[in-house]
Amino acid sequence: MDDEAPLEAFFELGYAIVPGILGEAQIADLLNATEFHNAGSTHARGGQPYANRAALSIPAIAELSASDQVLAVVSKVLRDEPFAVRANLFDKVAGANWKIPWHQDITIPVKERHEVDGYGPWSTKEGSPHTQAPSRVLQHMVAIRLHLDDCLSENGPLRVVPGSHLRGRMRKADIPLLDPARNSKELTCKRGDAILMSSLIVHASSPAISPSHRRVIHIEYASTDLDPPLEWARRI
């Protein structure tokens, strides 16, 4: 576990590692409830499930997102009352071992498409409209990544560029100017640990060197309404 990013450093660094949020019994219950390797996956590669990008529709994850256990952590960095707007469940195994390039999480799900200044371009994901949001929204968003397995250096862990969230929403072409390869930090976690991260922090991950289960529940929270007439697709 990384011990250099306590919760108190979140506003400076854009991330924090919170140890031991989930206990063993709760992890076992979540793995059973999500049925990820049966009916609980929305994406597969070579027959191997690797993601559920509509995980907020799973009752156990919706319940987890609204739990005092998780909200107690999220509320320390989102000053207004937070609510969950999206959840993903990811795995990284031999049959579905991928890399994610450097980026910010700037795309959000909305109920309906409306042309509003600062929002766009638009896309459709999981059958619902999505748009890139302006910094004024993204500054009020965080994600918590709850680890259901150990995620060590060989498991393709998250890498972040500390402090990059302070730059606001960046153009994709400007991200290489941060020299992420030299200025990033690898965030390793034990089973049950969580990573709290700003939606604006620049991050990536590499393929696992030794692919094995690296299951993560990634829940995104906001604490602000969207500019009317736009509305969040879901809020829990």
C-alpha atoms as a PDB file:
ATOM      1  CA  MET A   1       0.000   0.000   0.000  1.00  0.00           C
ATOM      2  CA  ASP A   2       1.201   3.511  -0.869  1.00  0.00           C
ATOM      3  CA  ASP A   3       1.739   5.512   2.323  1.00  0.00           C
ATOM      4  CA  GLU A   4       2.642   8.824   0.703  1.00  0.00           C
ATOM      5  CA  ALA A   5      -0.867  10.059  -0.112  1.00  0.00           C
ATOM      6  CA  PRO A   6      -3.061  10.302   2.977  1.00  0.00           C
ATOM      7  CA  LEU A   7      -6.570  11.661   2.609  1.00  0.00           C
ATOM      8  CA  GLU A   8      -5.405  15.055   3.862  1.00  0.00           C
ATOM      9  CA  ALA A   9      -3.168  15.417   0.784  1.00  0.00           C
ATOM     10  CA  PHE A  10      -5.992  14.851  -1.702  1.00  0.00           C
ATOM     11  CA  PHE A  11      -6.500  18.499  -2.621  1.00  0.00           C
ATOM     12  CA  GLU A  12      -2.807  18.963  -3.420  1.00  0.00           C
ATOM     13  CA  LEU A  13      -2.155  15.647  -5.166  1.00  0.00           C
ATOM     14  CA  GLY A  14      -5.560  14.806  -6.678  1.00  0.00           C
ATOM     15  CA  TYR A  15      -5.618  11.320  -5.172  1.00  0.00           C
ATOM     16  CA  ALA A  16      -5.390   9.438  -1.899  1.00  0.00           C
ATOM     17  CA  ILE A  17      -5.154   5.799  -0.879  1.00  0.00           C
ATOM     18  CA  VAL A  18      -7.493   4.696   1.896  1.00  0.00           C
ATOM     19  CA  PRO A  19      -6.599   1.294   3.381  1.00  0.00           C
ATOM     20  CA  GLY A  20      -8.999  -1.417   4.436  1.00  0.00           C
ATOM     21  CA  ILE A  21     -12.364   0.034   3.444  1.00  0.00           C
ATOM     22  CA  LEU A  22     -13.763  -3.389   2.544  1.00  0.00           C
ATOM     23  CA  GLY A  23     -13.498  -6.461   4.773  1.00  0.00           C
ATOM     24  CA  GLU A  24     -13.078 -10.031   3.549  1.00  0.00           C
ATOM     25  CA  ALA A  25     -16.717 -11.016   4.128  1.00  0.00           C
ATOM     26  CA  GLN A  26     -17.961  -7.932   2.265  1.00  0.00           C
ATOM     27  CA  ILE A  27     -15.602  -8.592  -0.650  1.00  0.00           C
ATOM     28  CA  ALA A  28     -16.879 -12.165  -0.923  1.00  0.00           C
ATOM     29  CA  ASP A  29     -20.484 -10.920  -0.870  1.00  0.00           C
ATOM     30  CA  LEU A  30     -19.765  -8.345  -3.593  1.00  0.00           C
ATOM     31  CA  LEU A  31     -18.047 -10.889  -5.849  1.00  0.00           C
ATOM     32  CA  ASN A  32     -21.018 -13.185  -5.450  1.00  0.00           C
ATOM     33  CA  ALA A  33     -23.623 -10.446  -5.977  1.00  0.00           C
ATOM     34  CA  THR A  34     -22.031  -8.962  -9.093  1.00  0.00           C
ATOM     35  CA  GLU A  35     -21.851 -12.345 -10.898  1.00  0.00           C
ATOM     36  CA  PHE A  36     -19.122 -10.712 -12.961  1.00  0.00           C
ATOM     37  CA  HIS A  37     -17.930 -13.917 -14.609  1.00  0.00           C
ATOM     38  CA  ASN A  38     -21.419 -15.120 -15.377  1.00  0.00           C
ATOM     39  CA  ALA A  39     -24.180 -12.626 -16.157  1.00  0.00           C
ATOM     40  CA  GLY A  40     -22.570  -9.568 -14.607  1.00  0.00           C
ATOM     41  CA  SER A  41     -20.334  -8.478 -17.495  1.00  0.00           C
ATOM     42  CA  THR A  42     -21.258  -6.107 -20.313  1.00  0.00           C
ATOM     43  CA  HIS A  43     -17.924  -6.424 -22.131  1.00  0.00           C
ATOM     44  CA  ALA A  44     -15.822  -9.455 -23.003  1.00  0.00           C
ATOM     45  CA  ARG A  45     -12.742 -10.108 -25.110  1.00  0.00           C
ATOM     46  CA  GLY A  46     -12.048 -13.531 -26.541  1.00  0.00           C
ATOM     47  CA  GLY A  47     -14.871 -14.874 -24.404  1.00  0.00           C
ATOM     48  CA  GLN A  48     -13.249 -13.460 -21.254  1.00  0.00           C
ATOM     49  CA  PRO A  49     -15.376 -10.917 -19.294  1.00  0.00           C
ATOM     50  CA  TYR A  50     -13.440  -7.802 -18.382  1.00  0.00           C
ATOM     51  CA  ALA A  51     -15.893  -4.959 -17.679  1.00  0.00           C
ATOM     52  CA  ASN A  52     -19.375  -3.979 -16.619  1.00  0.00           C
ATOM     53  CA  ARG A  53     -19.827  -0.330 -17.537  1.00  0.00           C
ATOM     54  CA  ALA A  54     -23.365  -0.185 -16.184  1.00  0.00           C
ATOM     55  CA  ALA A  55     -22.546  -1.504 -12.727  1.00  0.00           C
ATOM     56  CA  LEU A  56     -24.710   1.047 -10.911  1.00  0.00           C
ATOM     57  CA  SER A  57     -27.666  -1.057 -12.081  1.00  0.00           C
ATOM     58  CA  ILE A  58     -26.396  -3.952  -9.920  1.00  0.00           C
ATOM     59  CA  PRO A  59     -28.303  -3.634  -6.609  1.00  0.00           C
ATOM     60  CA  ALA A  60     -25.288  -4.552  -4.465  1.00  0.00           C
ATOM     61  CA  ILE A  61     -23.144  -1.838  -6.075  1.00  0.00           C
ATOM     62  CA  ALA A  62     -25.923   0.757  -5.934  1.00  0.00           C
ATOM     63  CA  GLU A  63     -26.290  -0.040  -2.229  1.00  0.00           C
ATOM     64  CA  LEU A  64     -22.525   0.185  -1.735  1.00  0.00           C
ATOM     65  CA  SER A  65     -22.404   3.559  -3.496  1.00  0.00           C
ATOM     66  CA  ALA A  66     -24.956   5.017  -1.063  1.00  0.00           C
ATOM     67  CA  SER A  67     -23.498   3.382   2.051  1.00  0.00           C
ATOM     68  CA  ASP A  68     -22.239   5.397   5.008  1.00  0.00           C
ATOM     69  CA  GLN A  69     -19.059   3.333   4.730  1.00  0.00           C
ATOM     70  CA  VAL A  70     -18.146   4.798   1.321  1.00  0.00           C
ATOM     71  CA  LEU A  71     -19.837   8.192   1.598  1.00  0.00           C
ATOM     72  CA  ALA A  72     -17.861   8.913   4.774  1.00  0.00           C
ATOM     73  CA  VAL A  73     -14.698   8.891   2.645  1.00  0.00           C
ATOM     74  CA  VAL A  74     -16.084  10.653  -0.427  1.00  0.00           C
ATOM     75  CA  SER A  75     -17.683  13.393   1.684  1.00  0.00           C
ATOM     76  CA  LYS A  76     -14.279  14.423   3.011  1.00  0.00           C
ATOM     77  CA  VAL A  77     -13.241  15.711  -0.419  1.00  0.00           C
ATOM     78  CA  LEU A  78     -16.605  16.695  -1.934  1.00  0.00           C
ATOM     79  CA  ARG A  79     -17.802  19.427   0.383  1.00  0.00           C
ATOM     80  CA  ASP A  80     -21.431  19.441  -0.806  1.00  0.00           C
ATOM     81  CA  GLU A  81     -23.587  16.322  -0.529  1.00  0.00           C
ATOM     82  CA  PRO A  82     -22.224  13.747  -3.002  1.00  0.00           C
ATOM     83  CA  PHE A  83     -24.286  11.361  -5.086  1.00  0.00           C
ATOM     84  CA  ALA A  84     -23.212   8.475  -7.332  1.00  0.00           C
ATOM     85  CA  VAL A  85     -23.665   9.040 -11.062  1.00  0.00           C
ATOM     86  CA  ARG A  86     -21.935   6.001 -12.581  1.00  0.00           C
ATOM     87  CA  ALA A  87     -20.148   2.788 -11.618  1.00  0.00           C
ATOM     88  CA  ASN A  88     -17.915   0.414 -13.559  1.00  0.00           C
ATOM     89  CA  LEU A  89     -16.550  -3.008 -12.658  1.00  0.00           C
ATOM     90  CA  PHE A  90     -13.189  -3.881 -14.221  1.00  0.00           C
ATOM     91  CA  ASP A  91     -10.982  -6.953 -14.301  1.00  0.00           C
ATOM     92  CA  LYS A  92      -7.600  -7.630 -15.918  1.00  0.00           C
ATOM     93  CA  VAL A  93      -6.781 -11.242 -16.705  1.00  0.00           C
ATOM     94  CA  ALA A  94      -4.830 -13.148 -19.364  1.00  0.00           C
ATOM     95  CA  GLY A  95      -7.718 -13.235 -21.842  1.00  0.00           C
ATOM     96  CA  ALA A  96      -8.588  -9.573 -21.331  1.00  0.00           C
ATOM     97  CA  ASN A  97      -5.408  -7.725 -20.470  1.00  0.00           C
ATOM     98  CA  TRP A  98      -5.369  -4.183 -21.777  1.00  0.00           C
ATOM     99  CA  LYS A  99      -3.710  -0.826 -21.325  1.00  0.00           C
ATOM    100  CA  ILE A 100      -5.344   2.571 -20.843  1.00  0.00           C
ATOM    101  CA  PRO A 101      -3.537   5.635 -22.262  1.00  0.00           C
ATOM    102  CA  TRP A 102      -3.044   8.885 -20.362  1.00  0.00           C
ATOM    103  CA  HIS A 103      -6.325  10.739 -19.996  1.00  0.00           C
ATOM    104  CA  GLN A 104      -8.733  12.546 -17.678  1.00  0.00           C
ATOM    105  CA  ASP A 105     -12.230  11.246 -16.857  1.00  0.00           C
ATOM    106  CA  ILE A 106     -14.165  14.066 -18.487  1.00  0.00           C
ATOM    107  CA  THR A 107     -17.091  12.219 -20.104  1.00  0.00           C
ATOM    108  CA  ILE A 108     -20.350  12.034 -18.142  1.00  0.00           C
ATOM    109  CA  PRO A 109     -23.728  10.283 -18.672  1.00  0.00           C
ATOM    110  CA  VAL A 110     -26.824  12.475 -19.065  1.00  0.00           C
ATOM    111  CA  LYS A 111     -30.559  11.814 -19.488  1.00  0.00           C
ATOM    112  CA  GLU A 112     -30.977  13.640 -22.782  1.00  0.00           C
ATOM    113  CA  ARG A 113     -28.817  15.537 -25.215  1.00  0.00           C
ATOM    114  CA  HIS A 114     -29.110  19.323 -25.122  1.00  0.00           C
ATOM    115  CA  GLU A 115     -26.647  21.741 -26.629  1.00  0.00           C
ATOM    116  CA  VAL A 116     -25.242  23.752 -23.706  1.00  0.00           C
ATOM    117  CA  ASP A 117     -22.160  25.949 -23.733  1.00  0.00           C
ATOM    118  CA  GLY A 118     -19.084  24.118 -22.460  1.00  0.00           C
ATOM    119  CA  TYR A 119     -20.445  20.600 -22.983  1.00  0.00           C
ATOM    120  CA  GLY A 120     -19.325  18.333 -25.825  1.00  0.00           C
ATOM    121  CA  PRO A 121     -18.381  16.594 -27.983  1.00  0.00           C
ATOM    122  CA  TRP A 122     -21.154  14.038 -27.617  1.00  0.00           C
ATOM    123  CA  SER A 123     -21.171  10.229 -27.804  1.00  0.00           C
ATOM    124  CA  THR A 124     -23.396   7.266 -27.014  1.00  0.00           C
ATOM    125  CA  LYS A 125     -22.245   4.652 -24.495  1.00  0.00           C
ATOM    126  CA  GLU A 126     -24.286   1.723 -23.231  1.00  0.00           C
ATOM    127  CA  GLY A 127     -27.213   3.158 -25.204  1.00  0.00           C
ATOM    128  CA  SER A 128     -27.247   6.453 -23.309  1.00  0.00           C
ATOM    129  CA  PRO A 129     -26.034   9.948 -24.292  1.00  0.00           C
ATOM    130  CA  HIS A 130     -22.684  11.065 -22.913  1.00  0.00           C
ATOM    131  CA  THR A 131     -20.892  14.368 -23.162  1.00  0.00           C
ATOM    132  CA  GLN A 132     -17.577  15.812 -22.143  1.00  0.00           C
ATOM    133  CA  ALA A 133     -18.224  18.146 -19.224  1.00  0.00           C
ATOM    134  CA  PRO A 134     -16.668  21.549 -18.472  1.00  0.00           C
ATOM    135  CA  SER A 135     -14.180  22.052 -15.650  1.00  0.00           C
ATOM    136  CA  ARG A 136     -16.858  23.754 -13.534  1.00  0.00           C
ATOM    137  CA  VAL A 137     -18.607  20.359 -13.285  1.00  0.00           C
ATOM    138  CA  LEU A 138     -15.549  18.117 -13.199  1.00  0.00           C
ATOM    139  CA  GLN A 139     -14.088  20.050 -10.262  1.00  0.00           C
ATOM    140  CA  HIS A 140     -17.034  18.735  -8.247  1.00  0.00           C
ATOM    141  CA  MET A 141     -16.491  15.087  -9.184  1.00  0.00           C
ATOM    142  CA  VAL A 142     -14.371  12.291  -7.727  1.00  0.00           C
ATOM    143  CA  ALA A 143     -14.141   8.549  -8.181  1.00  0.00           C
ATOM    144  CA  ILE A 144     -13.450   5.866  -5.629  1.00  0.00           C
ATOM    145  CA  ARG A 145     -11.816   2.636  -6.792  1.00  0.00           C
ATOM    146  CA  LEU A 146     -12.567  -0.245  -4.436  1.00  0.00           C
ATOM    147  CA  HIS A 147     -10.165  -3.157  -4.864  1.00  0.00           C
ATOM    148  CA  LEU A 148     -11.560  -6.680  -4.656  1.00  0.00           C
ATOM    149  CA  ASP A 149      -8.106  -8.199  -5.291  1.00  0.00           C
ATOM    150  CA  ASP A 150      -4.519  -7.187  -4.604  1.00  0.00           C
ATOM    151  CA  CYS A 151      -3.308  -4.763  -7.266  1.00  0.00           C
ATOM    152  CA  LEU A 152       0.482  -4.753  -7.231  1.00  0.00           C
ATOM    153  CA  SER A 153       3.076  -3.661  -9.787  1.00  0.00           C
ATOM    154  CA  GLU A 154       2.669  -6.843 -11.829  1.00  0.00           C
ATOM    155  CA  ASN A 155      -1.138  -6.425 -12.022  1.00  0.00           C
ATOM    156  CA  GLY A 156      -1.219  -3.304 -14.203  1.00  0.00           C
ATOM    157  CA  PRO A 157      -2.105  -0.810 -11.432  1.00  0.00           C
ATOM    158  CA  LEU A 158      -3.313   2.747 -11.873  1.00  0.00           C
ATOM    159  CA  ARG A 159      -0.677   5.394 -12.550  1.00  0.00           C
ATOM    160  CA  VAL A 160      -1.382   9.086 -11.919  1.00  0.00           C
ATOM    161  CA  VAL A 161       0.355  12.406 -12.481  1.00  0.00           C
ATOM    162  CA  PRO A 162       0.167  14.032  -9.021  1.00  0.00           C
ATOM    163  CA  GLY A 163      -1.234  17.551  -9.061  1.00  0.00           C
ATOM    164  CA  SER A 164      -2.397  17.411 -12.682  1.00  0.00           C
ATOM    165  CA  HIS A 165      -6.010  17.912 -11.579  1.00  0.00           C
ATOM    166  CA  LEU A 166      -5.148  21.526 -10.730  1.00  0.00           C
ATOM    167  CA  ARG A 167      -4.832  22.300 -14.448  1.00  0.00           C
ATOM    168  CA  GLY A 168      -8.549  21.775 -15.055  1.00  0.00           C
ATOM    169  CA  ARG A 169      -9.821  20.079 -18.182  1.00  0.00           C
ATOM    170  CA  MET A 170      -6.898  19.657 -20.558  1.00  0.00           C
ATOM    171  CA  ARG A 171      -6.747  19.230 -24.300  1.00  0.00           C
ATOM    172  CA  LYS A 172      -5.655  15.711 -25.188  1.00  0.00           C
ATOM    173  CA  ALA A 173      -2.778  17.165 -27.199  1.00  0.00           C
ATOM    174  CA  ASP A 174      -1.443  18.937 -24.088  1.00  0.00           C
ATOM    175  CA  ILE A 175      -1.286  15.888 -21.822  1.00  0.00           C
ATOM    176  CA  PRO A 176       2.114  14.724 -23.206  1.00  0.00           C
ATOM    177  CA  LEU A 177       3.550  18.085 -22.109  1.00  0.00           C
ATOM    178  CA  LEU A 178       3.236  16.812 -18.520  1.00  0.00           C
ATOM    179  CA  ASP A 179       5.772  14.083 -19.421  1.00  0.00           C
ATOM    180  CA  PRO A 180       3.679  11.440 -17.616  1.00  0.00           C
ATOM    181  CA  ALA A 181       6.243   8.690 -18.127  1.00  0.00           C
ATOM    182  CA  ARG A 182       8.669  10.578 -15.866  1.00  0.00           C
ATOM    183  CA  ASN A 183       6.274  12.413 -13.568  1.00  0.00           C
ATOM    184  CA  SER A 184       3.731   9.723 -12.744  1.00  0.00           C
ATOM    185  CA  LYS A 185       3.273   7.597  -9.654  1.00  0.00           C
ATOM    186  CA  GLU A 186       2.206   3.962  -9.506  1.00  0.00           C
ATOM    187  CA  LEU A 187      -0.620   3.297  -7.034  1.00  0.00           C
ATOM    188  CA  THR A 188      -0.512  -0.222  -5.656  1.00  0.00           C
ATOM    189  CA  CYS A 189      -3.208  -1.502  -3.320  1.00  0.00           C
ATOM    190  CA  LYS A 190      -4.112  -4.504  -1.238  1.00  0.00           C
ATOM    191  CA  ARG A 191      -7.453  -6.265  -1.443  1.00  0.00           C
ATOM    192  CA  GLY A 192      -9.993  -4.098   0.388  1.00  0.00           C
ATOM    193  CA  ASP A 193      -8.101  -0.817  -0.125  1.00  0.00           C
ATOM    194  CA  ALA A 194      -9.513   2.128  -2.056  1.00  0.00           C
ATOM    195  CA  ILE A 195      -8.109   4.876  -4.253  1.00  0.00           C
ATOM    196  CA  LEU A 196      -9.903   8.211  -4.154  1.00  0.00           C
ATOM    197  CA  MET A 197      -9.164  10.307  -7.238  1.00  0.00           C
ATOM    198  CA  SER A 198     -10.215  13.558  -8.852  1.00  0.00           C
ATOM    199  CA  SER A 199     -11.934  13.156 -12.208  1.00  0.00           C
ATOM    200  CA  LEU A 200      -9.440  15.700 -13.548  1.00  0.00           C
ATOM    201  CA  ILE A 201      -6.254  13.874 -12.562  1.00  0.00           C
ATOM    202  CA  VAL A 202      -4.294  12.546 -15.538  1.00  0.00           C
ATOM    203  CA  HIS A 203      -4.032   8.771 -15.226  1.00  0.00           C
ATOM    204  CA  ALA A 204      -3.339   5.547 -17.129  1.00  0.00           C
ATOM    205  CA  SER A 205      -2.580   1.877 -16.601  1.00  0.00           C
ATOM    206  CA  SER A 206      -0.395  -0.701 -18.335  1.00  0.00           C
ATOM    207  CA  PRO A 207      -1.226  -4.297 -19.192  1.00  0.00           C
ATOM    208  CA  ALA A 208      -0.611  -6.681 -16.316  1.00  0.00           C
ATOM    209  CA  ILE A 209       2.784  -8.380 -16.386  1.00  0.00           C
ATOM    210  CA  SER A 210       1.362 -11.411 -14.581  1.00  0.00           C
ATOM    211  CA  PRO A 211      -2.342 -11.368 -15.432  1.00  0.00           C
ATOM    212  CA  SER A 212      -4.610 -12.573 -12.679  1.00  0.00           C
ATOM    213  CA  HIS A 213      -7.820 -11.180 -11.268  1.00  0.00           C
ATOM    214  CA  ARG A 214      -7.572  -7.426 -10.648  1.00  0.00           C
ATOM    215  CA  ARG A 215     -11.221  -6.654  -9.959  1.00  0.00           C
ATOM    216  CA  VAL A 216     -12.045  -3.061  -9.150  1.00  0.00           C
ATOM    217  CA  ILE A 217     -15.377  -1.356  -8.486  1.00  0.00           C
ATOM    218  CA  HIS A 218     -15.028   2.193  -9.802  1.00  0.00           C
ATOM    219  CA  ILE A 219     -17.786   4.538  -8.569  1.00  0.00           C
ATOM    220  CA  GLU A 220     -18.034   8.146  -9.747  1.00  0.00           C
ATOM    221  CA  TYR A 221     -19.600  10.846  -7.579  1.00  0.00           C
ATOM    222  CA  ALA A 222     -20.697  14.414  -8.185  1.00  0.00           C
ATOM    223  CA  SER A 223     -21.880  17.140  -5.862  1.00  0.00           C
ATOM    224  CA  THR A 224     -23.351  19.596  -8.352  1.00  0.00           C
ATOM    225  CA  ASP A 225     -26.258  19.753 -10.765  1.00  0.00           C
ATOM    226  CA  LEU A 226     -25.607  20.148 -14.473  1.00  0.00           C
ATOM    227  CA  ASP A 227     -26.408  23.306 -16.391  1.00  0.00           C
ATOM    228  CA  PRO A 228     -30.124  23.224 -17.323  1.00  0.00           C
ATOM    229  CA  PRO A 229     -31.723  21.613 -19.157  1.00  0.00           C
ATOM    230  CA  LEU A 230     -29.056  18.894 -18.807  1.00  0.00           C
ATOM    231  CA  GLU A 231     -29.587  16.302 -16.060  1.00  0.00           C
ATOM    232  CA  TRP A 232     -27.524  13.397 -14.750  1.00  0.00           C
ATOM    233  CA  ALA A 233     -28.615  10.081 -16.233  1.00  0.00           C
ATOM    234  CA  ARG A 234     -28.683   8.600 -12.718  1.00  0.00           C
ATOM    235  CA  ARG A 235     -28.047   9.857  -9.217  1.00  0.00           C
ATOM    236  CA  ILE A 236     -28.030   7.678  -6.114  1.00  0.00           C
END
